[in-house]
Amino acid sequence: MPVEKTTLSSSDRNRGQRFLRRFVTLNGISVAFLMNDLLILYGIRNGLDDPQVALLASFIHLSMPFMLFGMSWIRRVGAARTWGYGWLFRYLSGSVLILAPWIGRFAPETFVHLVILLGAFGFAVFRSIGLVANSPLIGEITTEGERGRFLSGNWVRANTTYFFSMALIIAIMYYFDTMWVYQLVIGAGCVIGIFASRVLVRVPETEGPARSASEPMGRALKEILSSPRLRRIIFAWGSSFAAFVLVIPFAVVTVKNGYGLSDYAALIFSLLVLAGGILSSAINAGVSDHSGPRPLLILYVTGLILVAGYWAFAPSRFAPIPTAAAFFTAGFCKTGIILTNSHYLLSAVEAGRRVSISLFARMAGGAMAGLAASVGGGTLLRILRETTFGNVSLNGIEVYHWYFRILVPVLLLLLLVVMRLERLKEWGVRRVISFVFSLQGLQTMLMPSQDSEKDGNEEDDSR
């Protein structure tokens, strides 16, 4: 019988990292062309109301239960092909969005809304199916000492291409603020995304992900329910994701509908979200392997609470500088939450259980975040618009002021859930803050690879 391959060679890991870096570069471009904020503006332009926009923004999380199909795919074709095929069908589904304005010429507006929501839902569903392969595949091609640096480096790469692609879109919309520009941008994103999916399938892997995906889901669920540590991982994942889903999309809606900004102006603030994400990625690359992911996660959720506090009492007249700072900070915290959650899961869960645990974490976390946005956020906005206080009804920016005032206590509860995560080998929150603003921290963030390689070598020697 052939010997089962349980580990990749150093050359295979390097090759896999090279392919994955190439993928995230292309994916940064394609996602920019179909990013959530752009789809929100596209939906508003096609007549979607606030609750429908909230539903649209939540699809990426509500679709997480479809990751169960991803488990089946991994068992049959492996993690790399599951991710690649998921991305192929993701962008084929996204191409349906292009049809909406043309359908609106001869069909009722309700049907146009349905086409947009179905296209966006399919775009999110196949993302979820492919994404189940993310953590196990990255675990295959990285070692413990380089994992935080690799994750953060990919986010720097993806967000940088995302940033410049978004800048190009904004420049185009400045001169051509018409519906066909949205259609052209969405079409280009789908073409690039389909090409990127071909790169993913070339990433090498062992039989480990397929073997892990074969674990009975009932047994994995029973283990999660009986383990306080695993339950805390899942609740913290969902709580932290719900935090940025309840803040960022609704901030975009606030500047668009509350202040009446143009699509062009609203997208500039989305660009600042990306810029914040790039800086967050760079800091994570130099800090997370030293500090551990948990204290960083606490800081990022706290940052979103501060952002929500700003929107709760934002000026009635549009103020560009504090608004820009709020979007930048929100992007910084969002990217940090995504990175530190992945880093924590990879550090806390052994390789043989990563597929099933990451699946349940993403499913449960996605359900929490999606329901919070679509049911909680969307319903709250509807209630605020329809409720009168005495003879006075809320309108304009006041609606969003009260939305965020109600949201702040909710975010504080979510922070408490995150703080209950089990401590790993980590620093305290104060030490992280001191390190980031120290000369040593600056040097580490500017040259993270050398530190990470040193850590990795020390770990190998200790074995």
Protein backbone atom coordinates (compact mmCIF):
# COMPACT_ATOMS: atom_id res chain seq x y z
CA MET A 1 0.00 0.00 0.00
CA PRO A 2 1.29 3.52 -0.74
CA VAL A 3 2.42 5.56 2.24
CA GLU A 4 0.01 8.39 3.04
CA LYS A 5 1.57 11.81 2.65
CA THR A 6 1.15 13.60 5.97
CA THR A 7 3.40 16.65 5.53
CA LEU A 8 4.55 18.82 2.67
CA SER A 9 8.21 19.29 1.88
CA SER A 10 9.77 22.74 2.27
CA SER A 11 9.76 23.23 -1.51
CA ASP A 12 6.06 22.25 -1.71
CA ARG A 13 5.20 24.70 1.06
CA ASN A 14 7.09 27.47 -0.70
CA ARG A 15 5.35 26.65 -3.98
CA GLY A 16 1.97 26.63 -2.27
CA GLN A 17 2.65 29.98 -0.62
CA ARG A 18 3.69 31.43 -3.97
CA PHE A 19 0.45 30.30 -5.66
CA LEU A 20 -1.66 31.55 -2.77
CA ARG A 21 0.07 34.95 -2.81
CA ARG A 22 -0.65 35.16 -6.54
CA PHE A 23 -4.28 34.27 -5.89
CA VAL A 24 -4.81 36.88 -3.17
CA THR A 25 -3.29 39.54 -5.44
CA LEU A 26 -5.78 38.77 -8.21
CA ASN A 27 -8.60 38.31 -5.72
CA GLY A 28 -7.92 41.75 -4.27
CA ILE A 29 -8.67 43.22 -7.69
CA SER A 30 -11.76 41.14 -8.40
CA VAL A 31 -13.30 41.65 -4.95
CA ALA A 32 -12.75 45.41 -5.23
CA PHE A 33 -14.91 45.35 -8.36
CA LEU A 34 -17.70 43.52 -6.51
CA MET A 35 -17.03 44.63 -2.95
CA ASN A 36 -19.83 44.92 -0.42
CA ASP A 37 -19.89 48.73 -0.37
CA LEU A 38 -20.08 48.93 -4.16
CA LEU A 39 -22.92 46.39 -4.20
CA ILE A 40 -24.71 48.45 -1.53
CA LEU A 41 -24.48 51.56 -3.73
CA TYR A 42 -25.49 49.53 -6.78
CA GLY A 43 -28.51 48.23 -4.87
CA ILE A 44 -29.50 51.73 -3.69
CA ARG A 45 -29.23 53.03 -7.25
CA ASN A 46 -31.52 50.23 -8.40
CA GLY A 47 -34.12 51.15 -5.75
CA LEU A 48 -33.39 48.87 -2.76
CA ASP A 49 -34.63 50.28 0.56
CA ASP A 50 -32.72 50.20 3.89
CA PRO A 51 -33.91 46.74 5.07
CA GLN A 52 -33.12 45.26 1.64
CA VAL A 53 -29.68 46.88 1.72
CA ALA A 54 -29.12 45.44 5.20
CA LEU A 55 -30.08 42.01 3.87
CA LEU A 56 -27.70 42.44 0.92
CA ALA A 57 -24.86 43.37 3.29
CA SER A 58 -25.55 40.32 5.46
CA PHE A 59 -25.50 37.68 2.69
CA ILE A 60 -21.78 37.09 3.10
CA HIS A 61 -22.53 35.90 6.65
CA LEU A 62 -26.01 34.39 6.29
CA SER A 63 -24.68 32.06 3.58
CA MET A 64 -22.16 30.41 5.94
CA PRO A 65 -24.33 27.27 6.52
CA PHE A 66 -23.60 26.37 2.89
CA MET A 67 -20.08 25.56 4.05
CA LEU A 68 -21.45 22.09 4.75
CA PHE A 69 -21.33 21.53 0.99
CA GLY A 70 -17.69 22.59 1.11
CA MET A 71 -16.95 19.71 3.49
CA SER A 72 -18.36 17.28 0.94
CA TRP A 73 -16.27 18.88 -1.82
CA ILE A 74 -13.07 18.63 0.24
CA ARG A 75 -13.65 14.92 0.82
CA ARG A 76 -13.95 14.39 -2.92
CA VAL A 77 -11.47 16.78 -4.53
CA GLY A 78 -9.32 18.22 -1.73
CA ALA A 79 -9.06 21.67 -0.18
CA ALA A 80 -7.35 23.51 -3.05
CA ARG A 81 -9.87 22.44 -5.70
CA THR A 82 -12.79 23.09 -3.35
CA TRP A 83 -11.62 26.66 -2.85
CA GLY A 84 -10.91 27.12 -6.56
CA TYR A 85 -14.22 25.66 -7.78
CA GLY A 86 -16.11 27.67 -5.18
CA TRP A 87 -14.53 30.86 -6.50
CA LEU A 88 -15.32 29.91 -10.11
CA PHE A 89 -19.05 29.53 -9.38
CA ARG A 90 -18.94 32.58 -7.13
CA TYR A 91 -18.04 34.87 -9.99
CA LEU A 92 -20.39 33.15 -12.42
CA SER A 93 -23.18 33.96 -9.95
CA GLY A 94 -21.95 37.53 -9.55
CA SER A 95 -22.25 38.10 -13.28
CA VAL A 96 -26.06 37.87 -12.89
CA LEU A 97 -25.96 41.32 -11.24
CA ILE A 98 -25.06 42.90 -14.58
CA LEU A 99 -28.54 42.08 -15.91
CA ALA A 100 -30.55 44.07 -13.34
CA PRO A 101 -30.73 47.49 -15.12
CA TRP A 102 -31.62 45.86 -18.43
CA ILE A 103 -34.36 43.78 -16.82
CA GLY A 104 -35.71 46.99 -15.26
CA ARG A 105 -36.62 48.30 -18.72
CA PHE A 106 -39.44 45.79 -19.13
CA ALA A 107 -40.01 44.20 -15.70
CA PRO A 108 -41.43 45.57 -12.41
CA GLU A 109 -38.98 47.08 -9.92
CA THR A 110 -39.66 44.22 -7.51
CA PHE A 111 -38.25 41.78 -10.04
CA VAL A 112 -35.13 43.94 -10.45
CA HIS A 113 -34.63 43.84 -6.68
CA LEU A 114 -35.03 40.06 -6.75
CA VAL A 115 -32.35 39.69 -9.45
CA ILE A 116 -29.88 41.80 -7.45
CA LEU A 117 -30.56 39.93 -4.22
CA LEU A 118 -30.35 36.49 -5.88
CA GLY A 119 -27.13 37.35 -7.72
CA ALA A 120 -25.55 38.69 -4.54
CA PHE A 121 -26.78 35.67 -2.59
CA GLY A 122 -25.23 33.24 -5.08
CA PHE A 123 -22.03 35.27 -4.98
CA ALA A 124 -21.97 34.81 -1.20
CA VAL A 125 -23.07 31.15 -1.18
CA PHE A 126 -20.22 29.88 -3.37
CA ARG A 127 -17.77 32.01 -1.41
CA SER A 128 -18.87 30.14 1.71
CA ILE A 129 -18.52 26.76 0.01
CA GLY A 130 -14.98 27.56 -1.10
CA LEU A 131 -13.96 29.35 2.08
CA VAL A 132 -14.21 26.22 4.23
CA ALA A 133 -10.90 25.19 2.64
CA ASN A 134 -9.14 28.41 3.68
CA SER A 135 -7.86 27.53 7.16
CA PRO A 136 -6.86 23.90 6.50
CA LEU A 137 -5.07 24.82 3.26
CA ILE A 138 -3.12 27.67 4.89
CA GLY A 139 -2.30 25.31 7.75
CA GLU A 140 -0.88 22.87 5.19
CA ILE A 141 1.54 25.30 3.54
CA THR A 142 2.77 27.20 6.63
CA THR A 143 4.62 26.37 9.84
CA GLU A 144 3.73 27.68 13.29
CA GLY A 145 6.52 30.26 13.37
CA GLU A 146 5.57 31.89 10.06
CA ARG A 147 1.77 31.60 10.13
CA GLY A 148 0.94 35.04 11.52
CA ARG A 149 3.36 36.70 9.12
CA PHE A 150 1.98 34.78 6.12
CA LEU A 151 -1.64 35.59 6.95
CA SER A 152 -0.89 39.27 7.49
CA GLY A 153 1.36 39.47 4.43
CA ASN A 154 -1.43 38.13 2.26
CA TRP A 155 -3.81 40.72 3.65
CA VAL A 156 -1.33 43.49 2.92
CA ARG A 157 -1.04 42.20 -0.64
CA ALA A 158 -4.77 41.74 -1.13
CA ASN A 159 -5.72 45.07 0.40
CA THR A 160 -3.05 46.94 -1.56
CA THR A 161 -4.38 45.67 -4.90
CA TYR A 162 -7.88 46.21 -3.52
CA PHE A 163 -6.96 49.82 -2.66
CA PHE A 164 -5.57 50.74 -6.08
CA SER A 165 -8.39 48.94 -7.88
CA MET A 166 -10.91 50.86 -5.81
CA ALA A 167 -9.08 54.11 -6.54
CA LEU A 168 -9.42 53.34 -10.25
CA ILE A 169 -13.17 52.74 -9.85
CA ILE A 170 -13.59 56.03 -7.99
CA ALA A 171 -11.70 57.89 -10.70
CA ILE A 172 -13.91 56.35 -13.39
CA MET A 173 -17.08 57.20 -11.47
CA TYR A 174 -15.92 60.79 -11.02
CA TYR A 175 -16.11 61.25 -14.79
CA PHE A 176 -18.80 58.69 -15.67
CA ASP A 177 -21.32 58.42 -12.83
CA THR A 178 -23.75 56.21 -14.74
CA MET A 179 -25.28 52.76 -14.39
CA TRP A 180 -23.21 51.22 -17.19
CA VAL A 181 -20.03 51.92 -15.20
CA TYR A 182 -21.31 49.66 -12.41
CA GLN A 183 -22.10 46.96 -14.95
CA LEU A 184 -18.68 47.24 -16.59
CA VAL A 185 -16.88 47.11 -13.24
CA ILE A 186 -18.86 44.06 -12.07
CA GLY A 187 -18.16 42.28 -15.37
CA ALA A 188 -14.42 42.96 -15.15
CA GLY A 189 -14.35 41.71 -11.57
CA CYS A 190 -16.03 38.45 -12.58
CA VAL A 191 -13.52 37.81 -15.38
CA ILE A 192 -10.51 38.39 -13.09
CA GLY A 193 -12.09 36.30 -10.33
CA ILE A 194 -12.61 33.35 -12.67
CA PHE A 195 -8.96 33.55 -13.72
CA ALA A 196 -7.87 33.68 -10.05
CA SER A 197 -9.77 30.48 -9.33
CA ARG A 198 -7.45 28.64 -11.75
CA VAL A 199 -4.44 29.64 -9.66
CA LEU A 200 -5.94 28.22 -6.46
CA VAL A 201 -6.29 24.67 -7.74
CA ARG A 202 -2.51 24.46 -8.19
CA VAL A 203 -1.74 24.80 -4.46
CA PRO A 204 -0.23 21.50 -3.18
CA GLU A 205 -1.64 19.70 -0.15
CA THR A 206 -1.49 16.42 1.72
CA GLU A 207 -4.34 14.01 2.37
CA GLY A 208 -4.85 15.76 5.72
CA PRO A 209 -7.69 18.15 4.76
CA ALA A 210 -9.67 15.39 3.00
CA ARG A 211 -9.18 13.09 5.98
CA SER A 212 -10.21 15.83 8.40
CA ALA A 213 -13.29 16.61 6.29
CA SER A 214 -14.32 12.96 6.56
CA GLU A 215 -14.83 13.32 10.30
CA PRO A 216 -18.53 12.79 11.11
CA MET A 217 -20.11 16.18 11.63
CA GLY A 218 -22.24 14.89 14.46
CA ARG A 219 -19.15 13.87 16.40
CA ALA A 220 -17.50 17.23 15.74
CA LEU A 221 -20.64 19.08 16.87
CA LYS A 222 -20.87 16.94 20.01
CA GLU A 223 -17.23 17.74 20.80
CA ILE A 224 -17.85 21.47 20.37
CA LEU A 225 -20.94 21.42 22.58
CA SER A 226 -19.06 19.56 25.31
CA SER A 227 -15.96 21.77 25.19
CA PRO A 228 -16.20 25.23 26.79
CA ARG A 229 -12.95 26.23 25.01
CA LEU A 230 -14.32 25.43 21.54
CA ARG A 231 -17.66 27.07 22.29
CA ARG A 232 -15.88 30.25 23.28
CA ILE A 233 -13.94 30.23 20.00
CA ILE A 234 -17.16 30.01 18.01
CA PHE A 235 -19.03 32.64 20.05
CA ALA A 236 -16.05 35.01 19.92
CA TRP A 237 -15.76 34.52 16.16
CA GLY A 238 -19.42 35.37 15.67
CA SER A 239 -19.42 38.27 18.12
CA SER A 240 -16.38 39.98 16.60
CA PHE A 241 -17.69 39.53 13.05
CA ALA A 242 -21.10 40.84 14.10
CA ALA A 243 -19.36 43.92 15.49
CA PHE A 244 -17.98 45.12 12.17
CA VAL A 245 -21.04 43.96 10.19
CA LEU A 246 -23.24 46.13 12.42
CA VAL A 247 -20.94 49.15 12.03
CA ILE A 248 -19.32 49.43 8.59
CA PRO A 249 -22.19 48.77 6.12
CA PHE A 250 -24.47 51.03 8.14
CA ALA A 251 -21.83 53.75 8.18
CA VAL A 252 -21.84 53.62 4.36
CA VAL A 253 -25.64 53.90 4.38
CA THR A 254 -25.35 56.81 6.84
CA VAL A 255 -23.13 58.94 4.60
CA LYS A 256 -25.22 58.03 1.56
CA ASN A 257 -28.76 58.41 2.92
CA GLY A 258 -28.14 60.40 6.10
CA TYR A 259 -25.85 63.08 4.65
CA GLY A 260 -26.94 62.65 1.01
CA LEU A 261 -23.43 62.13 -0.40
CA SER A 262 -22.92 60.98 -3.99
CA ASP A 263 -21.80 57.44 -4.85
CA TYR A 264 -18.40 58.86 -5.77
CA ALA A 265 -17.96 60.49 -2.35
CA ALA A 266 -19.23 57.43 -0.48
CA LEU A 267 -16.71 55.21 -2.27
CA ILE A 268 -13.88 57.49 -1.21
CA PHE A 269 -14.70 56.60 2.39
CA SER A 270 -14.76 52.93 1.41
CA LEU A 271 -11.24 53.49 0.13
CA LEU A 272 -10.27 54.66 3.62
CA VAL A 273 -11.63 51.39 5.01
CA LEU A 274 -9.15 49.61 2.74
CA ALA A 275 -6.31 51.91 3.78
CA GLY A 276 -7.03 51.12 7.41
CA GLY A 277 -6.99 47.41 6.55
CA ILE A 278 -3.57 47.70 4.92
CA LEU A 279 -2.08 49.34 8.02
CA SER A 280 -3.76 46.74 10.24
CA SER A 281 -2.26 43.93 8.15
CA ALA A 282 1.23 45.43 8.44
CA ILE A 283 0.94 45.76 12.22
CA ASN A 284 -0.37 42.20 12.56
CA ALA A 285 2.54 40.88 10.51
CA GLY A 286 5.00 42.27 13.02
CA VAL A 287 3.05 41.82 16.25
CA SER A 288 0.70 38.81 16.21
CA ASP A 289 3.37 36.08 16.25
CA HIS A 290 4.85 37.75 19.35
CA SER A 291 1.79 38.97 21.25
CA GLY A 292 -0.66 36.23 20.34
CA PRO A 293 -4.00 36.92 18.59
CA ARG A 294 -6.36 37.29 21.58
CA PRO A 295 -5.20 40.67 22.96
CA LEU A 296 -5.22 42.13 19.46
CA LEU A 297 -8.78 40.88 18.91
CA ILE A 298 -9.90 42.62 22.11
CA LEU A 299 -8.33 45.89 20.92
CA TYR A 300 -9.98 45.69 17.51
CA VAL A 301 -13.49 45.17 18.89
CA THR A 302 -12.88 48.04 21.31
CA GLY A 303 -11.91 50.22 18.36
CA LEU A 304 -15.24 49.49 16.65
CA ILE A 305 -17.06 50.56 19.81
CA LEU A 306 -15.28 53.92 19.60
CA VAL A 307 -16.27 54.24 15.92
CA ALA A 308 -19.91 53.51 16.76
CA GLY A 309 -19.68 56.10 19.52
CA TYR A 310 -18.63 58.70 16.97
CA TRP A 311 -21.57 57.91 14.67
CA ALA A 312 -23.95 58.00 17.63
CA PHE A 313 -23.14 61.69 18.14
CA ALA A 314 -21.79 62.71 14.73
CA PRO A 315 -22.41 66.31 13.63
CA SER A 316 -25.72 66.96 11.91
CA ARG A 317 -23.78 68.56 9.08
CA PHE A 318 -21.27 66.46 7.22
CA ALA A 319 -17.75 66.73 8.72
CA PRO A 320 -15.20 65.15 6.35
CA ILE A 321 -12.16 64.83 8.65
CA PRO A 322 -13.74 62.95 11.62
CA THR A 323 -15.81 60.92 9.17
CA ALA A 324 -12.64 59.91 7.33
CA ALA A 325 -10.99 58.97 10.64
CA ALA A 326 -14.01 56.84 11.59
CA PHE A 327 -13.94 54.89 8.31
CA PHE A 328 -10.16 54.41 8.49
CA THR A 329 -10.39 53.11 12.06
CA ALA A 330 -13.28 50.81 11.17
CA GLY A 331 -11.27 49.30 8.30
CA PHE A 332 -8.26 48.88 10.58
CA CYS A 333 -10.38 46.99 13.11
CA LYS A 334 -12.27 44.88 10.56
CA THR A 335 -9.12 43.49 8.96
CA GLY A 336 -7.57 42.93 12.36
CA ILE A 337 -10.61 40.94 13.50
CA ILE A 338 -10.51 38.69 10.43
CA LEU A 339 -6.77 38.05 10.80
CA THR A 340 -6.72 37.45 14.53
CA ASN A 341 -9.70 35.10 14.44
CA SER A 342 -7.97 32.94 11.81
CA HIS A 343 -4.68 33.09 13.71
CA TYR A 344 -6.36 32.15 17.00
CA LEU A 345 -8.19 29.18 15.47
CA LEU A 346 -5.03 27.85 13.79
CA SER A 347 -3.11 28.24 17.06
CA ALA A 348 -5.76 26.74 19.34
CA VAL A 349 -6.94 23.78 17.23
CA GLU A 350 -4.74 20.90 16.15
CA ALA A 351 -4.33 20.17 12.43
CA GLY A 352 -6.56 17.08 12.31
CA ARG A 353 -9.61 19.03 13.54
CA ARG A 354 -9.19 22.32 11.69
CA VAL A 355 -11.65 21.59 8.89
CA SER A 356 -14.59 20.70 11.15
CA ILE A 357 -13.90 23.32 13.83
CA SER A 358 -13.29 26.12 11.32
CA LEU A 359 -16.47 25.06 9.53
CA PHE A 360 -18.62 25.39 12.64
CA ALA A 361 -16.86 28.59 13.67
CA ARG A 362 -17.56 30.21 10.32
CA MET A 363 -21.10 28.85 10.12
CA ALA A 364 -22.13 29.87 13.62
CA GLY A 365 -20.19 33.12 13.43
CA GLY A 366 -21.69 33.92 10.05
CA ALA A 367 -25.19 33.21 11.29
CA MET A 368 -24.69 35.51 14.28
CA ALA A 369 -23.25 38.30 12.15
CA GLY A 370 -25.74 37.93 9.31
CA LEU A 371 -28.81 37.82 11.53
CA ALA A 372 -27.49 40.75 13.54
CA ALA A 373 -27.22 42.86 10.39
CA SER A 374 -30.27 41.75 8.41
CA VAL A 375 -32.75 41.15 11.22
CA GLY A 376 -31.29 43.31 13.97
CA GLY A 377 -29.84 46.26 12.05
CA GLY A 378 -32.37 46.30 9.22
CA THR A 379 -35.35 45.94 11.55
CA LEU A 380 -34.03 48.60 13.90
CA LEU A 381 -33.67 51.10 11.04
CA ARG A 382 -37.21 50.37 9.87
CA ILE A 383 -38.59 50.86 13.39
CA LEU A 384 -36.69 54.13 13.83
CA ARG A 385 -38.03 55.45 10.52
CA GLU A 386 -41.65 54.49 11.27
CA THR A 387 -41.84 55.40 14.97
CA THR A 388 -42.95 58.82 16.16
CA PHE A 389 -41.93 60.26 19.53
CA GLY A 390 -44.91 62.34 20.52
CA ASN A 391 -45.60 64.35 17.38
CA VAL A 392 -41.97 64.15 16.18
CA SER A 393 -40.61 61.51 13.82
CA LEU A 394 -36.96 60.85 13.10
CA ASN A 395 -35.57 61.67 9.68
CA GLY A 396 -32.28 62.12 7.90
CA ILE A 397 -29.17 61.76 10.02
CA GLU A 398 -31.23 61.46 13.23
CA VAL A 399 -32.29 57.93 12.26
CA TYR A 400 -28.67 56.82 12.10
CA HIS A 401 -27.72 58.70 15.26
CA TRP A 402 -30.21 56.61 17.22
CA TYR A 403 -29.24 53.42 15.43
CA PHE A 404 -25.64 53.76 16.66
CA ARG A 405 -26.70 54.93 20.14
CA ILE A 406 -28.63 51.71 20.56
CA LEU A 407 -25.75 49.75 19.00
CA VAL A 408 -23.00 50.84 21.44
CA PRO A 409 -24.33 48.79 24.43
CA VAL A 410 -24.75 45.81 22.10
CA LEU A 411 -21.10 46.09 21.03
CA LEU A 412 -20.02 46.20 24.69
CA LEU A 413 -21.76 42.86 25.24
CA LEU A 414 -20.01 41.41 22.18
CA LEU A 415 -16.67 42.59 23.60
CA LEU A 416 -17.34 40.66 26.81
CA VAL A 417 -17.86 37.50 24.75
CA VAL A 418 -14.51 38.04 23.00
CA MET A 419 -12.72 38.60 26.30
CA ARG A 420 -13.84 35.15 27.49
CA LEU A 421 -11.57 33.45 24.94
CA GLU A 422 -9.04 31.10 26.52
CA ARG A 423 -5.63 32.69 26.97
CA LEU A 424 -2.91 31.22 24.79
CA LYS A 425 0.79 32.06 25.05
CA GLU A 426 0.22 35.80 24.82
CA TRP A 427 0.91 39.30 26.07
CA GLY A 428 -1.40 41.55 28.02
CA VAL A 429 -3.33 44.27 26.19
CA ARG A 430 -1.24 47.05 27.78
CA ARG A 431 1.99 45.41 26.67
CA VAL A 432 0.68 45.18 23.10
CA ILE A 433 -0.13 48.89 23.06
CA SER A 434 3.27 49.79 24.50
CA PHE A 435 5.03 47.55 21.97
CA VAL A 436 3.21 49.00 18.95
CA PHE A 437 4.24 52.55 19.90
CA SER A 438 7.83 51.66 20.85
CA LEU A 439 10.96 51.84 18.69
CA GLN A 440 11.38 48.07 18.97
CA GLY A 441 7.81 47.58 17.81
CA LEU A 442 8.33 49.87 14.83
CA GLN A 443 11.44 47.94 13.79
CA THR A 444 9.60 44.64 14.14
CA MET A 445 6.67 45.84 12.04
CA LEU A 446 8.97 47.15 9.33
CA MET A 447 11.00 43.90 9.21
CA PRO A 448 8.57 41.16 10.37
CA SER A 449 9.99 38.41 8.18
CA GLN A 450 13.33 38.29 9.94
CA ASP A 451 11.72 38.05 13.36
CA SER A 452 9.28 35.41 12.20
CA GLU A 453 12.03 33.33 10.64
CA LYS A 454 13.97 33.56 13.87
CA ASP A 455 10.94 32.44 15.86
CA GLY A 456 10.38 29.56 13.47
CA ASN A 457 13.98 28.41 13.72
CA GLU A 458 13.89 28.55 17.51
CA GLU A 459 10.74 26.46 17.48
CA ASP A 460 12.35 23.83 15.23
CA ASP A 461 15.46 23.68 17.45
CA SER A 462 13.34 23.17 20.56
CA ARG A 463 11.82 20.04 19.04
